[in-house]
Amino acid sequence: MDHTNSGMEEKLNPLKVKDAIDDAEIATLITVFPLLLTVNLVTIWILSQGRCGLSKCITLYLVAMAVADLLVAITEVILNRSVSFYFPNNILKTTPGCSTLIVLICTVRDTSVWLTVAFTLDRFIAICCQKLKVRYCVPRMAAVVIAVVTPLFFLKNIPWFFSFEPVYVIDNIPWKCQSKPIFYRSSWWITYDWLHRILNPFLPFFFILLFNALTVRHILQANRVRKGLLSKQGGDQVDPETENRRKSMILLFAISGSFIALWMPYVINFLYYRIAKTYYYTDANAPAYILQQMGYLFQLSSCCVNTCIYVVTQAKFREELKRMFRTPCQLCVKKPE
């Protein structure tokens, strides 16, 4: 199991296939990375200005999510794939180096996912739990949640460092990473692997669907009550609170829905190789291997989808985006006095 393609999930036999990353894949990654980098940096910059009409609590979560997504793109695309492909003898190709990199990849990936869960929970409490909202949906609590998530998942992923062995040893230097045979036989490692997948993405799937379902039920009930009150008063009246909740719902479901859709191929691939016990592929054109790579590609794509959602759903974000690009253009065309 060579780390060069995507960490501990890679199941292309390194003894039978020279390298899992071909020119087409690298070309795709090089095309995707500038997009991932640009959209996340733009998101961080615009949201940090505080002019999008969002609360400080929401802004903290969204900026943290964008930073985590940016780190996913850097560790996955640059350090894990591109550097390994173009500089095959760098320190990250040694067994300690790639083992450390896999721990970092898993940490930032878990952080990105669970910040999405935390954001979903924050919106659920803000809409459905008015008493708890006063204490929980505040910038201080958001900062505490963000500060706890990353070190917690770093500790959780440390065992991955000890699950790998060298593919080969040259001059007493261990090179590349493949899972130790005991990884697939030991009940401890099998349990840890399942726990890893349960924590990301199965449990996030469950929480996101649960919080969204409860939020929808609450909003539908509140809307029926408000419509009844407004009808008694007569005339068509605009309810600002209902409208704000509707906008929050659009943003919440867009982010949550994209997360579930883009992670689904990854989940299907994991279930397939665990149930079928297909741990190695000998053909890079095998349908199962293609499914695996599609899962990784969709997972990376989730790192920039949120920004596209903001552009579509948030009018003030679109205004700030236009202003950011309009200002340099105005300076370029401005005539000297």
C-alpha atoms as a PDB file:
ATOM      1  CA  MET A   1       0.000   0.000   0.000  1.00  0.00           C
ATOM      2  CA  ASP A   2       1.943   2.973  -1.311  1.00  0.00           C
ATOM      3  CA  HIS A   3       1.265   6.289   0.390  1.00  0.00           C
ATOM      4  CA  THR A   4       1.877   8.282  -2.795  1.00  0.00           C
ATOM      5  CA  ASN A   5      -1.679   8.176  -4.015  1.00  0.00           C
ATOM      6  CA  SER A   6      -3.758   8.954  -0.984  1.00  0.00           C
ATOM      7  CA  GLY A   7      -2.467   7.761   2.329  1.00  0.00           C
ATOM      8  CA  MET A   8      -3.490   4.540   4.003  1.00  0.00           C
ATOM      9  CA  GLU A   9      -6.432   3.989   1.621  1.00  0.00           C
ATOM     10  CA  GLU A  10      -4.128   3.301  -1.335  1.00  0.00           C
ATOM     11  CA  LYS A  11      -4.537  -0.323  -2.381  1.00  0.00           C
ATOM     12  CA  LEU A  12      -2.505  -0.548  -5.582  1.00  0.00           C
ATOM     13  CA  ASN A  13       0.164  -3.200  -5.087  1.00  0.00           C
ATOM     14  CA  PRO A  14       3.553  -1.400  -5.289  1.00  0.00           C
ATOM     15  CA  LEU A  15       5.275  -4.654  -6.237  1.00  0.00           C
ATOM     16  CA  LYS A  16       3.132  -5.082  -9.339  1.00  0.00           C
ATOM     17  CA  VAL A  17       2.514  -1.521 -10.415  1.00  0.00           C
ATOM     18  CA  LYS A  18       5.458   0.861 -10.639  1.00  0.00           C
ATOM     19  CA  ASP A  19       3.600   4.024  -9.671  1.00  0.00           C
ATOM     20  CA  ALA A  20      -0.079   4.701  -9.029  1.00  0.00           C
ATOM     21  CA  ILE A  21       0.114   8.304 -10.141  1.00  0.00           C
ATOM     22  CA  ASP A  22       0.207   8.654 -13.898  1.00  0.00           C
ATOM     23  CA  ASP A  23       0.680  11.761 -16.001  1.00  0.00           C
ATOM     24  CA  ALA A  24      -3.061  12.227 -16.525  1.00  0.00           C
ATOM     25  CA  GLU A  25      -3.760  12.214 -12.796  1.00  0.00           C
ATOM     26  CA  ILE A  26      -0.972  14.677 -12.071  1.00  0.00           C
ATOM     27  CA  ALA A  27      -2.209  16.966 -14.852  1.00  0.00           C
ATOM     28  CA  THR A  28      -5.693  16.876 -13.308  1.00  0.00           C
ATOM     29  CA  LEU A  29      -4.345  17.649  -9.850  1.00  0.00           C
ATOM     30  CA  ILE A  30      -2.229  20.523 -11.129  1.00  0.00           C
ATOM     31  CA  THR A  31      -5.350  21.925 -12.782  1.00  0.00           C
ATOM     32  CA  VAL A  32      -7.501  21.464  -9.688  1.00  0.00           C
ATOM     33  CA  PHE A  33      -5.046  22.813  -7.101  1.00  0.00           C
ATOM     34  CA  PRO A  34      -4.938  26.451  -8.337  1.00  0.00           C
ATOM     35  CA  LEU A  35      -8.736  26.442  -8.149  1.00  0.00           C
ATOM     36  CA  LEU A  36      -8.696  25.010  -4.617  1.00  0.00           C
ATOM     37  CA  LEU A  37      -6.054  27.514  -3.553  1.00  0.00           C
ATOM     38  CA  THR A  38      -7.751  30.532  -5.138  1.00  0.00           C
ATOM     39  CA  VAL A  39     -11.296  29.934  -3.937  1.00  0.00           C
ATOM     40  CA  ASN A  40     -10.271  29.235  -0.344  1.00  0.00           C
ATOM     41  CA  LEU A  41      -7.935  32.235  -0.136  1.00  0.00           C
ATOM     42  CA  VAL A  42     -10.681  34.444  -1.602  1.00  0.00           C
ATOM     43  CA  THR A  43     -13.176  33.061   0.912  1.00  0.00           C
ATOM     44  CA  ILE A  44     -10.843  33.658   3.843  1.00  0.00           C
ATOM     45  CA  TRP A  45     -10.106  37.207   2.734  1.00  0.00           C
ATOM     46  CA  ILE A  46     -13.717  38.245   2.083  1.00  0.00           C
ATOM     47  CA  LEU A  47     -15.171  36.651   5.212  1.00  0.00           C
ATOM     48  CA  SER A  48     -12.423  38.075   7.418  1.00  0.00           C
ATOM     49  CA  GLN A  49     -13.446  41.588   6.344  1.00  0.00           C
ATOM     50  CA  GLY A  50     -16.757  41.119   8.176  1.00  0.00           C
ATOM     51  CA  ARG A  51     -18.874  42.853   5.543  1.00  0.00           C
ATOM     52  CA  CYS A  52     -21.009  39.893   4.422  1.00  0.00           C
ATOM     53  CA  GLY A  53     -23.832  40.474   6.899  1.00  0.00           C
ATOM     54  CA  LEU A  54     -23.006  37.278   8.843  1.00  0.00           C
ATOM     55  CA  SER A  55     -22.634  37.075  12.603  1.00  0.00           C
ATOM     56  CA  LYS A  56     -19.164  36.821  14.116  1.00  0.00           C
ATOM     57  CA  CYS A  57     -19.937  33.269  15.213  1.00  0.00           C
ATOM     58  CA  ILE A  58     -20.824  32.140  11.664  1.00  0.00           C
ATOM     59  CA  THR A  59     -17.843  34.020  10.252  1.00  0.00           C
ATOM     60  CA  LEU A  60     -15.454  32.230  12.617  1.00  0.00           C
ATOM     61  CA  TYR A  61     -16.775  28.834  11.571  1.00  0.00           C
ATOM     62  CA  LEU A  62     -16.695  29.618   7.862  1.00  0.00           C
ATOM     63  CA  VAL A  63     -13.160  31.046   7.982  1.00  0.00           C
ATOM     64  CA  ALA A  64     -11.969  28.023   9.960  1.00  0.00           C
ATOM     65  CA  MET A  65     -13.622  25.700   7.429  1.00  0.00           C
ATOM     66  CA  ALA A  66     -11.938  27.528   4.548  1.00  0.00           C
ATOM     67  CA  VAL A  67      -8.524  27.334   6.272  1.00  0.00           C
ATOM     68  CA  ALA A  68      -8.991  23.613   6.934  1.00  0.00           C
ATOM     69  CA  ASP A  69     -10.021  23.021   3.309  1.00  0.00           C
ATOM     70  CA  LEU A  70      -6.951  24.946   2.160  1.00  0.00           C
ATOM     71  CA  LEU A  71      -4.714  22.752   4.316  1.00  0.00           C
ATOM     72  CA  VAL A  72      -6.383  19.649   2.863  1.00  0.00           C
ATOM     73  CA  ALA A  73      -5.539  20.868  -0.628  1.00  0.00           C
ATOM     74  CA  ILE A  74      -1.915  21.626   0.341  1.00  0.00           C
ATOM     75  CA  THR A  75      -1.258  18.315   2.098  1.00  0.00           C
ATOM     76  CA  GLU A  76      -3.158  16.133  -0.379  1.00  0.00           C
ATOM     77  CA  VAL A  77      -2.241  17.724  -3.702  1.00  0.00           C
ATOM     78  CA  ILE A  78       1.125  19.399  -3.140  1.00  0.00           C
ATOM     79  CA  LEU A  79       2.875  17.388  -0.431  1.00  0.00           C
ATOM     80  CA  ASN A  80       1.308  13.974  -0.967  1.00  0.00           C
ATOM     81  CA  ARG A  81       1.006  13.801  -4.749  1.00  0.00           C
ATOM     82  CA  SER A  82       2.823  16.471  -6.728  1.00  0.00           C
ATOM     83  CA  VAL A  83       6.013  16.589  -4.630  1.00  0.00           C
ATOM     84  CA  SER A  84       6.177  12.801  -4.517  1.00  0.00           C
ATOM     85  CA  PHE A  85       5.770  12.600  -8.291  1.00  0.00           C
ATOM     86  CA  TYR A  86       8.240  15.291  -9.352  1.00  0.00           C
ATOM     87  CA  PHE A  87      10.777  14.718  -6.558  1.00  0.00           C
ATOM     88  CA  PRO A  88      10.688  10.957  -5.943  1.00  0.00           C
ATOM     89  CA  ASN A  89      13.685  10.914  -3.592  1.00  0.00           C
ATOM     90  CA  ASN A  90      12.609  13.657  -1.194  1.00  0.00           C
ATOM     91  CA  ILE A  91      12.293  13.161   2.549  1.00  0.00           C
ATOM     92  CA  LEU A  92       8.531  12.652   2.303  1.00  0.00           C
ATOM     93  CA  LYS A  93       9.193   9.437   0.389  1.00  0.00           C
ATOM     94  CA  THR A  94      11.034   7.909   3.327  1.00  0.00           C
ATOM     95  CA  THR A  95       8.921   5.737   5.594  1.00  0.00           C
ATOM     96  CA  PRO A  96       9.035   8.143   8.586  1.00  0.00           C
ATOM     97  CA  GLY A  97       8.340  11.076   6.265  1.00  0.00           C
ATOM     98  CA  CYS A  98       5.335   9.602   4.497  1.00  0.00           C
ATOM     99  CA  SER A  99       3.969   8.163   7.772  1.00  0.00           C
ATOM    100  CA  THR A 100       4.085  11.646   9.301  1.00  0.00           C
ATOM    101  CA  LEU A 101       2.459  13.123   6.201  1.00  0.00           C
ATOM    102  CA  ILE A 102      -0.387  10.601   6.390  1.00  0.00           C
ATOM    103  CA  VAL A 103      -1.041  11.611  10.004  1.00  0.00           C
ATOM    104  CA  LEU A 104      -1.207  15.274   8.920  1.00  0.00           C
ATOM    105  CA  ILE A 105      -3.479  14.463   5.958  1.00  0.00           C
ATOM    106  CA  CYS A 106      -5.909  12.568   8.180  1.00  0.00           C
ATOM    107  CA  THR A 107      -5.834  15.331  10.793  1.00  0.00           C
ATOM    108  CA  VAL A 108      -6.686  18.198   8.445  1.00  0.00           C
ATOM    109  CA  ARG A 109      -9.272  16.043   6.653  1.00  0.00           C
ATOM    110  CA  ASP A 110     -11.004  15.168   9.943  1.00  0.00           C
ATOM    111  CA  THR A 111     -10.799  18.784  11.068  1.00  0.00           C
ATOM    112  CA  SER A 112     -12.422  20.007   7.859  1.00  0.00           C
ATOM    113  CA  VAL A 113     -15.274  17.505   8.148  1.00  0.00           C
ATOM    114  CA  TRP A 114     -15.989  18.040  11.821  1.00  0.00           C
ATOM    115  CA  LEU A 115     -15.939  21.813  11.483  1.00  0.00           C
ATOM    116  CA  THR A 116     -18.758  21.315   8.969  1.00  0.00           C
ATOM    117  CA  VAL A 117     -20.586  19.289  11.620  1.00  0.00           C
ATOM    118  CA  ALA A 118     -19.923  21.979  14.231  1.00  0.00           C
ATOM    119  CA  PHE A 119     -21.259  24.644  11.880  1.00  0.00           C
ATOM    120  CA  THR A 120     -24.393  22.555  11.241  1.00  0.00           C
ATOM    121  CA  LEU A 121     -24.912  22.121  14.992  1.00  0.00           C
ATOM    122  CA  ASP A 122     -24.441  25.847  15.560  1.00  0.00           C
ATOM    123  CA  ARG A 123     -27.135  26.677  13.004  1.00  0.00           C
ATOM    124  CA  PHE A 124     -29.462  24.038  14.467  1.00  0.00           C
ATOM    125  CA  ILE A 125     -29.140  25.557  17.938  1.00  0.00           C
ATOM    126  CA  ALA A 126     -29.492  29.109  16.603  1.00  0.00           C
ATOM    127  CA  ILE A 127     -32.756  28.249  14.852  1.00  0.00           C
ATOM    128  CA  CYS A 128     -34.329  25.631  17.130  1.00  0.00           C
ATOM    129  CA  CYS A 129     -33.002  26.186  20.661  1.00  0.00           C
ATOM    130  CA  GLN A 130     -33.506  29.802  21.600  1.00  0.00           C
ATOM    131  CA  LYS A 131     -32.538  29.401  25.276  1.00  0.00           C
ATOM    132  CA  LEU A 132     -29.329  27.526  24.489  1.00  0.00           C
ATOM    133  CA  LYS A 133     -28.576  29.933  21.628  1.00  0.00           C
ATOM    134  CA  VAL A 134     -27.694  32.740  24.048  1.00  0.00           C
ATOM    135  CA  ARG A 135     -24.883  30.680  25.598  1.00  0.00           C
ATOM    136  CA  TYR A 136     -23.711  28.512  22.686  1.00  0.00           C
ATOM    137  CA  CYS A 137     -24.003  30.604  19.509  1.00  0.00           C
ATOM    138  CA  VAL A 138     -21.428  33.177  20.509  1.00  0.00           C
ATOM    139  CA  PRO A 139     -17.940  33.900  19.096  1.00  0.00           C
ATOM    140  CA  ARG A 140     -16.212  32.689  22.272  1.00  0.00           C
ATOM    141  CA  MET A 141     -17.817  29.237  22.062  1.00  0.00           C
ATOM    142  CA  ALA A 142     -17.053  29.007  18.342  1.00  0.00           C
ATOM    143  CA  ALA A 143     -13.400  29.802  19.050  1.00  0.00           C
ATOM    144  CA  VAL A 144     -13.275  27.117  21.755  1.00  0.00           C
ATOM    145  CA  VAL A 145     -14.778  24.489  19.431  1.00  0.00           C
ATOM    146  CA  ILE A 146     -12.336  25.360  16.632  1.00  0.00           C
ATOM    147  CA  ALA A 147      -9.367  25.313  19.049  1.00  0.00           C
ATOM    148  CA  VAL A 148     -10.318  21.880  20.430  1.00  0.00           C
ATOM    149  CA  VAL A 149     -11.116  20.063  17.168  1.00  0.00           C
ATOM    150  CA  THR A 150      -7.663  20.159  15.531  1.00  0.00           C
ATOM    151  CA  PRO A 151      -5.476  18.885  18.447  1.00  0.00           C
ATOM    152  CA  LEU A 152      -8.126  16.303  19.322  1.00  0.00           C
ATOM    153  CA  PHE A 153      -8.040  14.751  15.860  1.00  0.00           C
ATOM    154  CA  PHE A 154      -4.269  15.001  15.703  1.00  0.00           C
ATOM    155  CA  LEU A 155      -4.088  12.753  18.770  1.00  0.00           C
ATOM    156  CA  LYS A 156      -6.677  10.431  17.244  1.00  0.00           C
ATOM    157  CA  ASN A 157      -4.604   9.975  14.059  1.00  0.00           C
ATOM    158  CA  ILE A 158      -1.195   9.374  15.673  1.00  0.00           C
ATOM    159  CA  PRO A 159      -1.638   5.542  15.535  1.00  0.00           C
ATOM    160  CA  TRP A 160      -1.474   5.690  11.723  1.00  0.00           C
ATOM    161  CA  PHE A 161       2.209   6.506  12.059  1.00  0.00           C
ATOM    162  CA  PHE A 162       2.842   3.028  13.473  1.00  0.00           C
ATOM    163  CA  SER A 163       0.738   1.125  10.916  1.00  0.00           C
ATOM    164  CA  PHE A 164       3.256   1.319   8.057  1.00  0.00           C
ATOM    165  CA  GLU A 165       6.453  -0.417   7.068  1.00  0.00           C
ATOM    166  CA  PRO A 166       8.972   0.321   4.283  1.00  0.00           C
ATOM    167  CA  VAL A 167       8.393  -0.915   0.762  1.00  0.00           C
ATOM    168  CA  TYR A 168      12.156  -1.309   0.415  1.00  0.00           C
ATOM    169  CA  VAL A 169      15.368  -0.294   2.209  1.00  0.00           C
ATOM    170  CA  ILE A 170      18.376   1.263   0.449  1.00  0.00           C
ATOM    171  CA  ASP A 171      21.579   2.029   2.374  1.00  0.00           C
ATOM    172  CA  ASN A 172      19.696   1.527   5.646  1.00  0.00           C
ATOM    173  CA  ILE A 173      17.137   4.185   4.636  1.00  0.00           C
ATOM    174  CA  PRO A 174      13.511   2.943   4.607  1.00  0.00           C
ATOM    175  CA  TRP A 175      11.569   4.188   1.562  1.00  0.00           C
ATOM    176  CA  LYS A 176       7.824   4.578   0.920  1.00  0.00           C
ATOM    177  CA  CYS A 177       4.949   3.309   3.032  1.00  0.00           C
ATOM    178  CA  GLN A 178       2.850   0.209   2.878  1.00  0.00           C
ATOM    179  CA  SER A 179       0.561  -1.196   5.529  1.00  0.00           C
ATOM    180  CA  LYS A 180       2.014  -3.837   7.767  1.00  0.00           C
ATOM    181  CA  PRO A 181       0.444  -7.263   7.135  1.00  0.00           C
ATOM    182  CA  ILE A 182      -0.927  -7.198  10.669  1.00  0.00           C
ATOM    183  CA  PHE A 183      -3.007  -4.132   9.717  1.00  0.00           C
ATOM    184  CA  TYR A 184      -5.473  -6.388   7.847  1.00  0.00           C
ATOM    185  CA  ARG A 185      -5.419  -9.262  10.381  1.00  0.00           C
ATOM    186  CA  SER A 186      -5.167  -7.683  13.814  1.00  0.00           C
ATOM    187  CA  SER A 187      -8.519  -7.160  15.531  1.00  0.00           C
ATOM    188  CA  TRP A 188      -7.069  -4.000  17.113  1.00  0.00           C
ATOM    189  CA  TRP A 189      -6.121  -2.446  13.769  1.00  0.00           C
ATOM    190  CA  ILE A 190      -9.392  -3.528  12.119  1.00  0.00           C
ATOM    191  CA  THR A 191     -11.307  -1.915  14.987  1.00  0.00           C
ATOM    192  CA  TYR A 192      -9.232   1.243  14.724  1.00  0.00           C
ATOM    193  CA  ASP A 193      -9.775   1.404  10.960  1.00  0.00           C
ATOM    194  CA  TRP A 194     -13.540   1.064  11.412  1.00  0.00           C
ATOM    195  CA  LEU A 195     -13.473   3.668  14.188  1.00  0.00           C
ATOM    196  CA  HIS A 196     -11.578   5.985  11.843  1.00  0.00           C
ATOM    197  CA  ARG A 197     -14.272   5.596   9.154  1.00  0.00           C
ATOM    198  CA  ILE A 198     -17.097   5.897  11.672  1.00  0.00           C
ATOM    199  CA  LEU A 199     -15.685   9.195  12.920  1.00  0.00           C
ATOM    200  CA  ASN A 200     -15.166  10.318   9.326  1.00  0.00           C
ATOM    201  CA  PRO A 201     -17.462  10.262   7.422  1.00  0.00           C
ATOM    202  CA  PHE A 202     -20.217   7.957   8.809  1.00  0.00           C
ATOM    203  CA  LEU A 203     -20.860   9.793  12.080  1.00  0.00           C
ATOM    204  CA  PRO A 204     -20.735  13.239  10.389  1.00  0.00           C
ATOM    205  CA  PHE A 205     -23.275  11.932   7.848  1.00  0.00           C
ATOM    206  CA  PHE A 206     -25.576  10.935  10.701  1.00  0.00           C
ATOM    207  CA  PHE A 207     -25.245  14.195  12.639  1.00  0.00           C
ATOM    208  CA  ILE A 208     -25.672  16.390   9.577  1.00  0.00           C
ATOM    209  CA  LEU A 209     -28.820  14.545   8.493  1.00  0.00           C
ATOM    210  CA  LEU A 210     -30.168  14.541  12.063  1.00  0.00           C
ATOM    211  CA  PHE A 211     -29.604  18.251  12.701  1.00  0.00           C
ATOM    212  CA  ASN A 212     -31.013  19.169   9.294  1.00  0.00           C
ATOM    213  CA  ALA A 213     -34.132  17.024   9.803  1.00  0.00           C
ATOM    214  CA  LEU A 214     -34.790  18.538  13.223  1.00  0.00           C
ATOM    215  CA  THR A 215     -34.196  22.031  11.865  1.00  0.00           C
ATOM    216  CA  VAL A 216     -36.623  21.492   8.984  1.00  0.00           C
ATOM    217  CA  ARG A 217     -39.295  20.176  11.346  1.00  0.00           C
ATOM    218  CA  HIS A 218     -38.877  23.162  13.650  1.00  0.00           C
ATOM    219  CA  ILE A 219     -39.026  25.699  10.822  1.00  0.00           C
ATOM    220  CA  LEU A 220     -42.089  24.104   9.245  1.00  0.00           C
ATOM    221  CA  GLN A 221     -43.889  24.136  12.588  1.00  0.00           C
ATOM    222  CA  ALA A 222     -42.884  27.746  13.282  1.00  0.00           C
ATOM    223  CA  ASN A 223     -43.946  28.845   9.803  1.00  0.00           C
ATOM    224  CA  ARG A 224     -47.403  27.283  10.220  1.00  0.00           C
ATOM    225  CA  VAL A 225     -47.891  29.123  13.514  1.00  0.00           C
ATOM    226  CA  ARG A 226     -46.693  32.441  12.078  1.00  0.00           C
ATOM    227  CA  LYS A 227     -48.828  32.119   8.968  1.00  0.00           C
ATOM    228  CA  GLY A 228     -51.843  31.500  11.202  1.00  0.00           C
ATOM    229  CA  LEU A 229     -51.120  34.625  13.259  1.00  0.00           C
ATOM    230  CA  LEU A 230     -50.504  36.762  10.172  1.00  0.00           C
ATOM    231  CA  SER A 231     -53.696  35.542   8.500  1.00  0.00           C
ATOM    232  CA  LYS A 232     -55.701  36.600  11.530  1.00  0.00           C
ATOM    233  CA  GLN A 233     -54.191  40.085  11.269  1.00  0.00           C
ATOM    234  CA  GLY A 234     -55.193  40.203   7.614  1.00  0.00           C
ATOM    235  CA  GLY A 235     -53.206  41.105   4.493  1.00  0.00           C
ATOM    236  CA  ASP A 236     -49.923  39.828   3.218  1.00  0.00           C
ATOM    237  CA  GLN A 237     -47.174  40.708   5.630  1.00  0.00           C
ATOM    238  CA  VAL A 238     -43.487  40.037   5.280  1.00  0.00           C
ATOM    239  CA  ASP A 239     -42.036  38.188   8.254  1.00  0.00           C
ATOM    240  CA  PRO A 240     -38.326  39.136   8.599  1.00  0.00           C
ATOM    241  CA  GLU A 241     -37.582  36.304  11.028  1.00  0.00           C
ATOM    242  CA  THR A 242     -38.997  33.642   8.725  1.00  0.00           C
ATOM    243  CA  GLU A 243     -37.101  35.139   5.806  1.00  0.00           C
ATOM    244  CA  ASN A 244     -33.818  35.088   7.744  1.00  0.00           C
ATOM    245  CA  ARG A 245     -34.395  31.489   8.709  1.00  0.00           C
ATOM    246  CA  ARG A 246     -35.110  30.598   5.099  1.00  0.00           C
ATOM    247  CA  LYS A 247     -31.800  32.134   3.981  1.00  0.00           C
ATOM    248  CA  SER A 248     -29.935  30.324   6.731  1.00  0.00           C
ATOM    249  CA  MET A 249     -31.547  27.089   5.637  1.00  0.00           C
ATOM    250  CA  ILE A 250     -30.448  27.588   2.038  1.00  0.00           C
ATOM    251  CA  LEU A 251     -26.816  28.052   3.100  1.00  0.00           C
ATOM    252  CA  LEU A 252     -26.925  25.227   5.630  1.00  0.00           C
ATOM    253  CA  PHE A 253     -28.457  22.636   3.320  1.00  0.00           C
ATOM    254  CA  ALA A 254     -26.265  23.633   0.393  1.00  0.00           C
ATOM    255  CA  ILE A 255     -23.094  23.071   2.442  1.00  0.00           C
ATOM    256  CA  SER A 256     -24.359  19.907   4.125  1.00  0.00           C
ATOM    257  CA  GLY A 257     -25.794  18.452   0.911  1.00  0.00           C
ATOM    258  CA  SER A 258     -22.584  19.018  -1.033  1.00  0.00           C
ATOM    259  CA  PHE A 259     -20.593  17.391   1.759  1.00  0.00           C
ATOM    260  CA  ILE A 260     -22.699  14.239   1.683  1.00  0.00           C
ATOM    261  CA  ALA A 261     -22.775  14.015  -2.120  1.00  0.00           C
ATOM    262  CA  LEU A 262     -19.032  14.515  -2.584  1.00  0.00           C
ATOM    263  CA  TRP A 263     -18.039  12.064   0.147  1.00  0.00           C
ATOM    264  CA  MET A 264     -20.426   9.311  -0.978  1.00  0.00           C
ATOM    265  CA  PRO A 265     -18.032   7.673  -3.550  1.00  0.00           C
ATOM    266  CA  TYR A 266     -15.362   7.538  -0.837  1.00  0.00           C
ATOM    267  CA  VAL A 267     -17.779   5.753   1.507  1.00  0.00           C
ATOM    268  CA  ILE A 268     -18.857   3.301  -1.195  1.00  0.00           C
ATOM    269  CA  ASN A 269     -15.214   2.501  -1.971  1.00  0.00           C
ATOM    270  CA  PHE A 270     -14.420   1.822   1.697  1.00  0.00           C
ATOM    271  CA  LEU A 271     -17.429  -0.478   2.109  1.00  0.00           C
ATOM    272  CA  TYR A 272     -16.490  -2.325  -1.074  1.00  0.00           C
ATOM    273  CA  TYR A 273     -12.888  -3.074  -0.176  1.00  0.00           C
ATOM    274  CA  ARG A 274     -13.742  -4.033   3.427  1.00  0.00           C
ATOM    275  CA  ILE A 275     -16.663  -6.304   2.478  1.00  0.00           C
ATOM    276  CA  ALA A 276     -15.002  -7.784  -0.630  1.00  0.00           C
ATOM    277  CA  LYS A 277     -11.599  -7.833   1.123  1.00  0.00           C
ATOM    278  CA  THR A 278      -9.958  -6.417  -1.998  1.00  0.00           C
ATOM    279  CA  TYR A 279      -6.937  -4.699  -0.510  1.00  0.00           C
ATOM    280  CA  TYR A 280      -4.713  -4.564  -3.588  1.00  0.00           C
ATOM    281  CA  TYR A 281      -5.280  -3.809  -7.264  1.00  0.00           C
ATOM    282  CA  THR A 282      -2.991  -5.046  -9.986  1.00  0.00           C
ATOM    283  CA  ASP A 283      -4.583  -3.057 -12.800  1.00  0.00           C
ATOM    284  CA  ALA A 284      -4.833   0.739 -12.754  1.00  0.00           C
ATOM    285  CA  ASN A 285      -7.759   0.444 -15.219  1.00  0.00           C
ATOM    286  CA  ALA A 286      -9.814  -1.798 -12.936  1.00  0.00           C
ATOM    287  CA  PRO A 287     -13.339  -0.367 -12.279  1.00  0.00           C
ATOM    288  CA  ALA A 288     -12.855  -0.654  -8.511  1.00  0.00           C
ATOM    289  CA  TYR A 289      -9.573   1.267  -8.701  1.00  0.00           C
ATOM    290  CA  ILE A 290     -11.241   3.933 -10.848  1.00  0.00           C
ATOM    291  CA  LEU A 291     -14.004   4.194  -8.216  1.00  0.00           C
ATOM    292  CA  GLN A 292     -11.306   4.679  -5.583  1.00  0.00           C
ATOM    293  CA  GLN A 293      -9.677   7.511  -7.519  1.00  0.00           C
ATOM    294  CA  MET A 294     -13.069   9.132  -8.208  1.00  0.00           C
ATOM    295  CA  GLY A 295     -13.714   9.073  -4.480  1.00  0.00           C
ATOM    296  CA  TYR A 296     -10.438  10.904  -3.821  1.00  0.00           C
ATOM    297  CA  LEU A 297     -11.133  13.445  -6.563  1.00  0.00           C
ATOM    298  CA  PHE A 298     -14.656  14.217  -5.310  1.00  0.00           C
ATOM    299  CA  GLN A 299     -13.323  14.458  -1.776  1.00  0.00           C
ATOM    300  CA  LEU A 300     -10.749  17.051  -2.878  1.00  0.00           C
ATOM    301  CA  SER A 301     -13.444  18.894  -4.841  1.00  0.00           C
ATOM    302  CA  SER A 302     -15.384  19.382  -1.609  1.00  0.00           C
ATOM    303  CA  CYS A 303     -12.580  21.724  -0.530  1.00  0.00           C
ATOM    304  CA  CYS A 304     -13.736  24.474  -2.914  1.00  0.00           C
ATOM    305  CA  VAL A 305     -17.456  23.788  -3.301  1.00  0.00           C
ATOM    306  CA  ASN A 306     -18.423  25.842  -0.246  1.00  0.00           C
ATOM    307  CA  THR A 307     -17.099  29.021  -1.875  1.00  0.00           C
ATOM    308  CA  CYS A 308     -19.201  28.377  -4.962  1.00  0.00           C
ATOM    309  CA  ILE A 309     -22.203  27.930  -2.691  1.00  0.00           C
ATOM    310  CA  TYR A 310     -21.536  31.277  -0.987  1.00  0.00           C
ATOM    311  CA  VAL A 311     -21.342  32.993  -4.373  1.00  0.00           C
ATOM    312  CA  VAL A 312     -24.690  31.521  -5.411  1.00  0.00           C
ATOM    313  CA  THR A 313     -26.640  31.961  -2.169  1.00  0.00           C
ATOM    314  CA  GLN A 314     -25.207  35.050  -0.452  1.00  0.00           C
ATOM    315  CA  ALA A 315     -25.855  38.386  -2.147  1.00  0.00           C
ATOM    316  CA  LYS A 316     -23.438  40.318   0.079  1.00  0.00           C
ATOM    317  CA  PHE A 317     -20.684  37.780  -0.543  1.00  0.00           C
ATOM    318  CA  ARG A 318     -21.181  38.286  -4.294  1.00  0.00           C
ATOM    319  CA  GLU A 319     -21.001  42.044  -3.812  1.00  0.00           C
ATOM    320  CA  GLU A 320     -17.745  41.758  -1.862  1.00  0.00           C
ATOM    321  CA  LEU A 321     -16.334  39.401  -4.494  1.00  0.00           C
ATOM    322  CA  LYS A 322     -17.159  41.873  -7.263  1.00  0.00           C
ATOM    323  CA  ARG A 323     -15.665  44.722  -5.236  1.00  0.00           C
ATOM    324  CA  MET A 324     -12.448  42.781  -4.643  1.00  0.00           C
ATOM    325  CA  PHE A 325     -11.904  42.222  -8.371  1.00  0.00           C
ATOM    326  CA  ARG A 326     -13.248  45.616  -9.407  1.00  0.00           C
ATOM    327  CA  THR A 327     -10.809  47.639  -7.276  1.00  0.00           C
ATOM    328  CA  PRO A 328      -7.572  46.504  -9.026  1.00  0.00           C
ATOM    329  CA  CYS A 329      -9.217  47.007 -12.413  1.00  0.00           C
ATOM    330  CA  GLN A 330     -10.240  50.536 -11.474  1.00  0.00           C
ATOM    331  CA  LEU A 331      -6.700  51.330 -10.353  1.00  0.00           C
ATOM    332  CA  CYS A 332      -5.312  50.021 -13.656  1.00  0.00           C
ATOM    333  CA  VAL A 333      -7.647  52.067 -15.830  1.00  0.00           C
ATOM    334  CA  LYS A 334      -7.570  55.176 -13.660  1.00  0.00           C
ATOM    335  CA  LYS A 335      -6.115  58.069 -15.584  1.00  0.00           C
ATOM    336  CA  PRO A 336      -3.296  60.025 -13.956  1.00  0.00           C
ATOM    337  CA  GLU A 337      -4.208  63.559 -12.957  1.00  0.00           C
END
